[in-house]
C-alpha atoms as a PDB file:
ATOM      1  CA  MET A   1     -17.985 -60.880 -14.872  1.00  0.00           C
ATOM      2  CA  ASP A   2     -15.532 -58.075 -14.398  1.00  0.00           C
ATOM      3  CA  LEU A   3     -14.448 -55.639 -17.095  1.00  0.00           C
ATOM      4  CA  SER A   4     -11.146 -54.247 -18.270  1.00  0.00           C
ATOM      5  CA  PRO A   5     -10.753 -50.590 -17.201  1.00  0.00           C
ATOM      6  CA  ASP A   6     -11.744 -49.355 -20.675  1.00  0.00           C
ATOM      7  CA  GLY A   7     -14.721 -51.722 -20.784  1.00  0.00           C
ATOM      8  CA  SER A   8     -13.629 -53.432 -23.986  1.00  0.00           C
ATOM      9  CA  PHE A   9     -13.238 -56.916 -22.464  1.00  0.00           C
ATOM     10  CA  GLY A  10     -15.113 -58.878 -19.856  1.00  0.00           C
ATOM     11  CA  TYR A  11     -13.734 -61.853 -17.965  1.00  0.00           C
ATOM     12  CA  VAL A  12     -16.160 -64.575 -16.912  1.00  0.00           C
ATOM     13  CA  PRO A  13     -15.364 -67.541 -14.645  1.00  0.00           C
ATOM     14  CA  GLU A  14     -16.940 -70.712 -16.017  1.00  0.00           C
ATOM     15  CA  ARG A  15     -16.998 -72.751 -12.851  1.00  0.00           C
ATOM     16  CA  ASP A  16     -18.421 -76.014 -14.152  1.00  0.00           C
ATOM     17  CA  GLN A  17     -16.047 -76.125 -17.130  1.00  0.00           C
ATOM     18  CA  ASP A  18     -12.870 -75.193 -15.215  1.00  0.00           C
ATOM     19  CA  THR A  19     -12.364 -72.291 -17.628  1.00  0.00           C
ATOM     20  CA  LEU A  20     -12.397 -68.520 -17.827  1.00  0.00           C
ATOM     21  CA  ALA A  21     -13.944 -66.858 -20.889  1.00  0.00           C
ATOM     22  CA  VAL A  22     -12.861 -63.535 -22.367  1.00  0.00           C
ATOM     23  CA  VAL A  23     -15.718 -61.562 -23.930  1.00  0.00           C
ATOM     24  CA  ASP A  24     -15.216 -58.754 -26.459  1.00  0.00           C
ATOM     25  CA  THR A  25     -17.869 -56.289 -25.286  1.00  0.00           C
ATOM     26  CA  ARG A  26     -18.102 -54.628 -28.709  1.00  0.00           C
ATOM     27  CA  SER A  27     -18.747 -57.762 -30.762  1.00  0.00           C
ATOM     28  CA  LEU A  28     -20.367 -59.656 -27.862  1.00  0.00           C
ATOM     29  CA  GLU A  29     -18.288 -62.693 -28.782  1.00  0.00           C
ATOM     30  CA  ILE A  30     -16.096 -64.931 -26.662  1.00  0.00           C
ATOM     31  CA  THR A  31     -12.594 -64.298 -27.995  1.00  0.00           C
ATOM     32  CA  ASP A  32     -10.544 -66.616 -25.793  1.00  0.00           C
ATOM     33  CA  ARG A  33     -10.710 -69.156 -22.999  1.00  0.00           C
ATOM     34  CA  VAL A  34      -8.254 -70.128 -20.296  1.00  0.00           C
ATOM     35  CA  GLU A  35      -8.296 -73.679 -19.004  1.00  0.00           C
ATOM     36  CA  PHE A  36      -7.723 -74.265 -15.312  1.00  0.00           C
ATOM     37  CA  PRO A  37      -6.734 -77.604 -13.785  1.00  0.00           C
ATOM     38  CA  GLU A  38      -9.584 -80.091 -13.553  1.00  0.00           C
ATOM     39  CA  GLY A  39     -11.648 -79.550 -10.416  1.00  0.00           C
ATOM     40  CA  SER A  40     -10.330 -76.048  -9.731  1.00  0.00           C
ATOM     41  CA  ARG A  41     -13.725 -74.484 -10.511  1.00  0.00           C
ATOM     42  CA  PRO A  42     -12.885 -70.782 -10.907  1.00  0.00           C
ATOM     43  CA  TRP A  43     -15.800 -68.916  -9.435  1.00  0.00           C
ATOM     44  CA  MET A  44     -14.977 -65.282  -8.775  1.00  0.00           C
ATOM     45  CA  LEU A  45     -12.549 -62.805 -10.268  1.00  0.00           C
ATOM     46  CA  ARG A  46     -11.611 -59.145 -10.386  1.00  0.00           C
ATOM     47  CA  VAL A  47      -9.526 -56.937 -12.645  1.00  0.00           C
ATOM     48  CA  PRO A  48      -7.371 -54.442 -10.695  1.00  0.00           C
ATOM     49  CA  PRO A  49      -7.608 -50.735 -11.547  1.00  0.00           C
ATOM     50  CA  ASP A  50      -4.547 -50.816 -13.843  1.00  0.00           C
ATOM     51  CA  GLY A  51      -6.124 -53.613 -15.906  1.00  0.00           C
ATOM     52  CA  ASN A  52      -2.874 -55.532 -16.324  1.00  0.00           C
ATOM     53  CA  GLU A  53      -4.040 -58.708 -14.604  1.00  0.00           C
ATOM     54  CA  VAL A  54      -7.067 -60.806 -13.750  1.00  0.00           C
ATOM     55  CA  TRP A  55      -7.152 -62.194 -10.208  1.00  0.00           C
ATOM     56  CA  VAL A  56      -9.201 -65.419 -10.103  1.00  0.00           C
ATOM     57  CA  GLN A  57     -10.420 -67.240  -6.998  1.00  0.00           C
ATOM     58  CA  THR A  58     -10.990 -70.993  -7.364  1.00  0.00           C
ATOM     59  CA  ALA A  59     -12.974 -73.538  -5.394  1.00  0.00           C
ATOM     60  CA  SER A  60      -9.771 -75.552  -5.063  1.00  0.00           C
ATOM     61  CA  GLY A  61      -8.424 -72.941  -2.626  1.00  0.00           C
ATOM     62  CA  SER A  62      -6.183 -70.818  -4.798  1.00  0.00           C
ATOM     63  CA  ASN A  63      -5.897 -67.292  -6.087  1.00  0.00           C
ATOM     64  CA  VAL A  64      -4.573 -67.283  -9.635  1.00  0.00           C
ATOM     65  CA  VAL A  65      -3.121 -64.141 -11.221  1.00  0.00           C
ATOM     66  CA  LEU A  66      -3.341 -64.019 -15.017  1.00  0.00           C
ATOM     67  CA  ASP A  67      -1.819 -61.516 -17.424  1.00  0.00           C
ATOM     68  CA  SER A  68      -4.931 -59.808 -18.845  1.00  0.00           C
ATOM     69  CA  ARG A  69      -3.509 -59.631 -22.379  1.00  0.00           C
ATOM     70  CA  THR A  70      -1.764 -62.982 -22.837  1.00  0.00           C
ATOM     71  CA  LEU A  71      -3.811 -64.898 -20.223  1.00  0.00           C
ATOM     72  CA  GLU A  72      -0.572 -66.494 -19.043  1.00  0.00           C
ATOM     73  CA  THR A  73      -0.574 -67.551 -15.386  1.00  0.00           C
ATOM     74  CA  LEU A  74       1.734 -65.201 -13.493  1.00  0.00           C
ATOM     75  CA  HIS A  75       1.249 -66.604  -9.994  1.00  0.00           C
ATOM     76  CA  THR A  76      -0.835 -69.130  -8.081  1.00  0.00           C
ATOM     77  CA  GLU A  77      -1.163 -68.875  -4.310  1.00  0.00           C
ATOM     78  CA  GLU A  78      -2.955 -71.331  -2.034  1.00  0.00           C
ATOM     79  CA  VAL A  79      -5.024 -69.129   0.273  1.00  0.00           C
ATOM     80  CA  GLY A  80      -7.394 -71.511   2.079  1.00  0.00           C
ATOM     81  CA  SER A  81     -10.233 -73.920   1.565  1.00  0.00           C
ATOM     82  CA  GLN A  82     -12.800 -71.634  -0.095  1.00  0.00           C
ATOM     83  CA  PRO A  83     -11.733 -68.209  -1.350  1.00  0.00           C
ATOM     84  CA  VAL A  84     -14.768 -66.090  -2.166  1.00  0.00           C
ATOM     85  CA  THR A  85     -13.627 -62.914  -3.882  1.00  0.00           C
ATOM     86  CA  ILE A  86     -10.888 -60.284  -3.900  1.00  0.00           C
ATOM     87  CA  ALA A  87     -10.808 -56.546  -3.177  1.00  0.00           C
ATOM     88  CA  PHE A  88      -7.977 -54.117  -3.903  1.00  0.00           C
ATOM     89  CA  SER A  89      -7.079 -51.429  -1.356  1.00  0.00           C
ATOM     90  CA  PRO A  90      -7.317 -47.904  -2.794  1.00  0.00           C
ATOM     91  CA  ASP A  91      -3.649 -47.195  -2.102  1.00  0.00           C
ATOM     92  CA  GLY A  92      -2.538 -50.370  -3.912  1.00  0.00           C
ATOM     93  CA  ARG A  93      -0.772 -51.810  -0.842  1.00  0.00           C
ATOM     94  CA  TYR A  94      -2.937 -54.879  -0.228  1.00  0.00           C
ATOM     95  CA  ASN A  95      -5.345 -57.283  -1.876  1.00  0.00           C
ATOM     96  CA  PHE A  96      -7.846 -58.926   0.479  1.00  0.00           C
ATOM     97  CA  VAL A  97      -9.314 -62.349  -0.378  1.00  0.00           C
ATOM     98  CA  SER A  98     -12.412 -63.189   1.639  1.00  0.00           C
ATOM     99  CA  MET A  99     -12.904 -66.786   2.707  1.00  0.00           C
ATOM    100  CA  ALA A 100     -15.985 -68.988   3.174  1.00  0.00           C
ATOM    101  CA  GLY A 101     -15.459 -71.669   5.789  1.00  0.00           C
ATOM    102  CA  GLU A 102     -12.526 -69.811   7.333  1.00  0.00           C
ATOM    103  CA  SER A 103     -12.212 -67.134  10.012  1.00  0.00           C
ATOM    104  CA  TYR A 104      -9.624 -65.021   8.207  1.00  0.00           C
ATOM    105  CA  VAL A 105      -9.099 -62.929   5.106  1.00  0.00           C
ATOM    106  CA  ALA A 106      -5.955 -63.700   3.144  1.00  0.00           C
ATOM    107  CA  ILE A 107      -3.958 -60.542   2.484  1.00  0.00           C
ATOM    108  CA  LEU A 108      -1.915 -60.755  -0.702  1.00  0.00           C
ATOM    109  CA  ASP A 109       0.923 -58.686  -2.102  1.00  0.00           C
ATOM    110  CA  PRO A 110      -0.443 -56.841  -5.155  1.00  0.00           C
ATOM    111  CA  GLU A 111       2.982 -56.963  -6.834  1.00  0.00           C
ATOM    112  CA  ASP A 112       3.330 -60.735  -7.061  1.00  0.00           C
ATOM    113  CA  GLY A 113       0.205 -62.318  -5.535  1.00  0.00           C
ATOM    114  CA  SER A 114       2.070 -63.914  -2.642  1.00  0.00           C
ATOM    115  CA  LEU A 115       0.454 -64.346   0.769  1.00  0.00           C
ATOM    116  CA  LEU A 116       1.512 -61.599   3.176  1.00  0.00           C
ATOM    117  CA  THR A 117      -0.612 -62.604   6.159  1.00  0.00           C
ATOM    118  CA  ARG A 118      -3.926 -63.987   7.330  1.00  0.00           C
ATOM    119  CA  LEU A 119      -6.069 -61.629   9.377  1.00  0.00           C
ATOM    120  CA  GLU A 120      -8.689 -63.073  11.724  1.00  0.00           C
ATOM    121  CA  VAL A 121     -12.006 -61.309  11.083  1.00  0.00           C
ATOM    122  CA  GLY A 122     -14.667 -63.942  11.832  1.00  0.00           C
ATOM    123  CA  GLU A 123     -16.149 -67.123  10.418  1.00  0.00           C
ATOM    124  CA  ASN A 124     -17.421 -67.247   6.825  1.00  0.00           C
ATOM    125  CA  ASN A 125     -16.505 -63.811   5.566  1.00  0.00           C
ATOM    126  CA  ALA A 126     -18.003 -62.817   2.231  1.00  0.00           C
ATOM    127  CA  ASN A 127     -17.166 -59.437   0.721  1.00  0.00           C
ATOM    128  CA  VAL A 128     -14.722 -56.628   1.397  1.00  0.00           C
ATOM    129  CA  ALA A 129     -15.008 -52.919   0.672  1.00  0.00           C
ATOM    130  CA  PHE A 130     -12.580 -50.101   1.434  1.00  0.00           C
ATOM    131  CA  ARG A 131     -13.340 -46.610   2.587  1.00  0.00           C
ATOM    132  CA  PRO A 132     -12.447 -44.314  -0.347  1.00  0.00           C
ATOM    133  CA  ASP A 133      -9.534 -42.774   1.582  1.00  0.00           C
ATOM    134  CA  GLY A 134      -8.184 -46.280   2.286  1.00  0.00           C
ATOM    135  CA  ALA A 135      -8.101 -45.848   6.073  1.00  0.00           C
ATOM    136  CA  PHE A 136     -10.432 -48.789   6.758  1.00  0.00           C
ATOM    137  CA  ALA A 137     -11.555 -52.040   5.180  1.00  0.00           C
ATOM    138  CA  TYR A 138     -14.984 -53.448   5.939  1.00  0.00           C
ATOM    139  CA  VAL A 139     -15.468 -57.215   5.827  1.00  0.00           C
ATOM    140  CA  ALA A 140     -18.937 -58.789   5.781  1.00  0.00           C
ATOM    141  CA  VAL A 141     -18.743 -61.693   8.236  1.00  0.00           C
ATOM    142  CA  THR A 142     -21.705 -63.827   7.247  1.00  0.00           C
ATOM    143  CA  GLY A 143     -21.184 -66.528   9.857  1.00  0.00           C
ATOM    144  CA  GLU A 144     -21.209 -64.065  12.744  1.00  0.00           C
ATOM    145  CA  ASP A 145     -23.807 -61.510  11.571  1.00  0.00           C
ATOM    146  CA  ALA A 146     -21.279 -58.698  11.655  1.00  0.00           C
ATOM    147  CA  VAL A 147     -19.007 -56.417   9.697  1.00  0.00           C
ATOM    148  CA  ALA A 148     -15.365 -56.381  10.796  1.00  0.00           C
ATOM    149  CA  VAL A 149     -13.771 -52.942  10.511  1.00  0.00           C
ATOM    150  CA  VAL A 150     -10.051 -53.257   9.737  1.00  0.00           C
ATOM    151  CA  GLU A 151      -7.718 -50.335  10.397  1.00  0.00           C
ATOM    152  CA  MET A 152      -5.380 -50.409   7.405  1.00  0.00           C
ATOM    153  CA  GLU A 153      -2.176 -49.024   8.936  1.00  0.00           C
ATOM    154  CA  SER A 154      -2.047 -51.683  11.665  1.00  0.00           C
ATOM    155  CA  LEU A 155      -4.003 -54.359   9.757  1.00  0.00           C
ATOM    156  CA  GLU A 156      -5.995 -55.044  12.911  1.00  0.00           C
ATOM    157  CA  VAL A 157      -9.725 -55.364  13.483  1.00  0.00           C
ATOM    158  CA  GLU A 158     -10.625 -52.120  15.199  1.00  0.00           C
ATOM    159  CA  LYS A 159     -14.320 -52.771  15.668  1.00  0.00           C
ATOM    160  CA  ARG A 160     -17.128 -55.195  14.871  1.00  0.00           C
ATOM    161  CA  LEU A 161     -20.479 -53.852  13.727  1.00  0.00           C
ATOM    162  CA  GLU A 162     -23.382 -56.177  14.529  1.00  0.00           C
ATOM    163  CA  THR A 163     -25.730 -56.599  11.559  1.00  0.00           C
ATOM    164  CA  GLY A 164     -28.838 -58.484  10.600  1.00  0.00           C
ATOM    165  CA  GLU A 165     -28.626 -62.146   9.759  1.00  0.00           C
ATOM    166  CA  GLY A 166     -25.978 -63.329   7.267  1.00  0.00           C
ATOM    167  CA  PRO A 167     -24.549 -60.155   5.684  1.00  0.00           C
ATOM    168  CA  MET A 168     -23.065 -60.875   2.269  1.00  0.00           C
ATOM    169  CA  GLY A 169     -22.746 -57.840   0.018  1.00  0.00           C
ATOM    170  CA  LEU A 170     -21.028 -54.639   0.960  1.00  0.00           C
ATOM    171  CA  ILE A 171     -20.739 -51.384  -0.988  1.00  0.00           C
ATOM    172  CA  LEU A 172     -19.309 -48.098   0.255  1.00  0.00           C
ATOM    173  CA  PHE A 173     -20.131 -44.826  -1.395  1.00  0.00           C
ATOM    174  CA  PRO A 174     -18.135 -41.628  -0.955  1.00  0.00           C
ATOM    175  CA  PRO A 175     -20.020 -39.007   1.048  1.00  0.00           C
ATOM    176  CA  PRO A 176     -21.588 -36.090  -0.821  1.00  0.00           C
ATOM    177  CA  GLY A 177     -18.805 -33.756  -1.853  1.00  0.00           C
ATOM    178  CA  GLY A 178     -16.376 -36.681  -2.252  1.00  0.00           C
ATOM    179  CA  ASN A 179     -14.290 -36.133   0.895  1.00  0.00           C
ATOM    180  CA  GLY A 180     -13.187 -39.380   2.496  1.00  0.00           C
END
């Protein structure tokens, strides 16, 4: 589940029903559902900071952008065989979709959801986090026991950090004092 910026609505992918549920967090009731094509199996989603859309990753290989108010589909982009989840760069320039079963992250245009490029980071990447100043993205590369460090100006992997076995989650916290 991800929440609207004000916390009043939650969006839940219902993978086995090919639907997305909208939950009113005050009443704790499902207020709406969006049906996806049969077999699409929406499994992850995120609401961008402005709250205007819901970006949904499906097991059928697509990223679907919905209007958060009307739930109308604004854009569907085929990104690869198994998109995992999406992360939004702090400066709003890029949206990264991590990919299971692929060696790249799909980088999407935040304005319209179209594919800008595929960046090779390593096999079976899971989650993406951005440094608070937006200078670097960090991609957990589960299949290679590493974290790929992406320099955001060049969109190139600058370094690989070797990790323990099968890194999945990734969270970055600002340093004490909040600088960078």
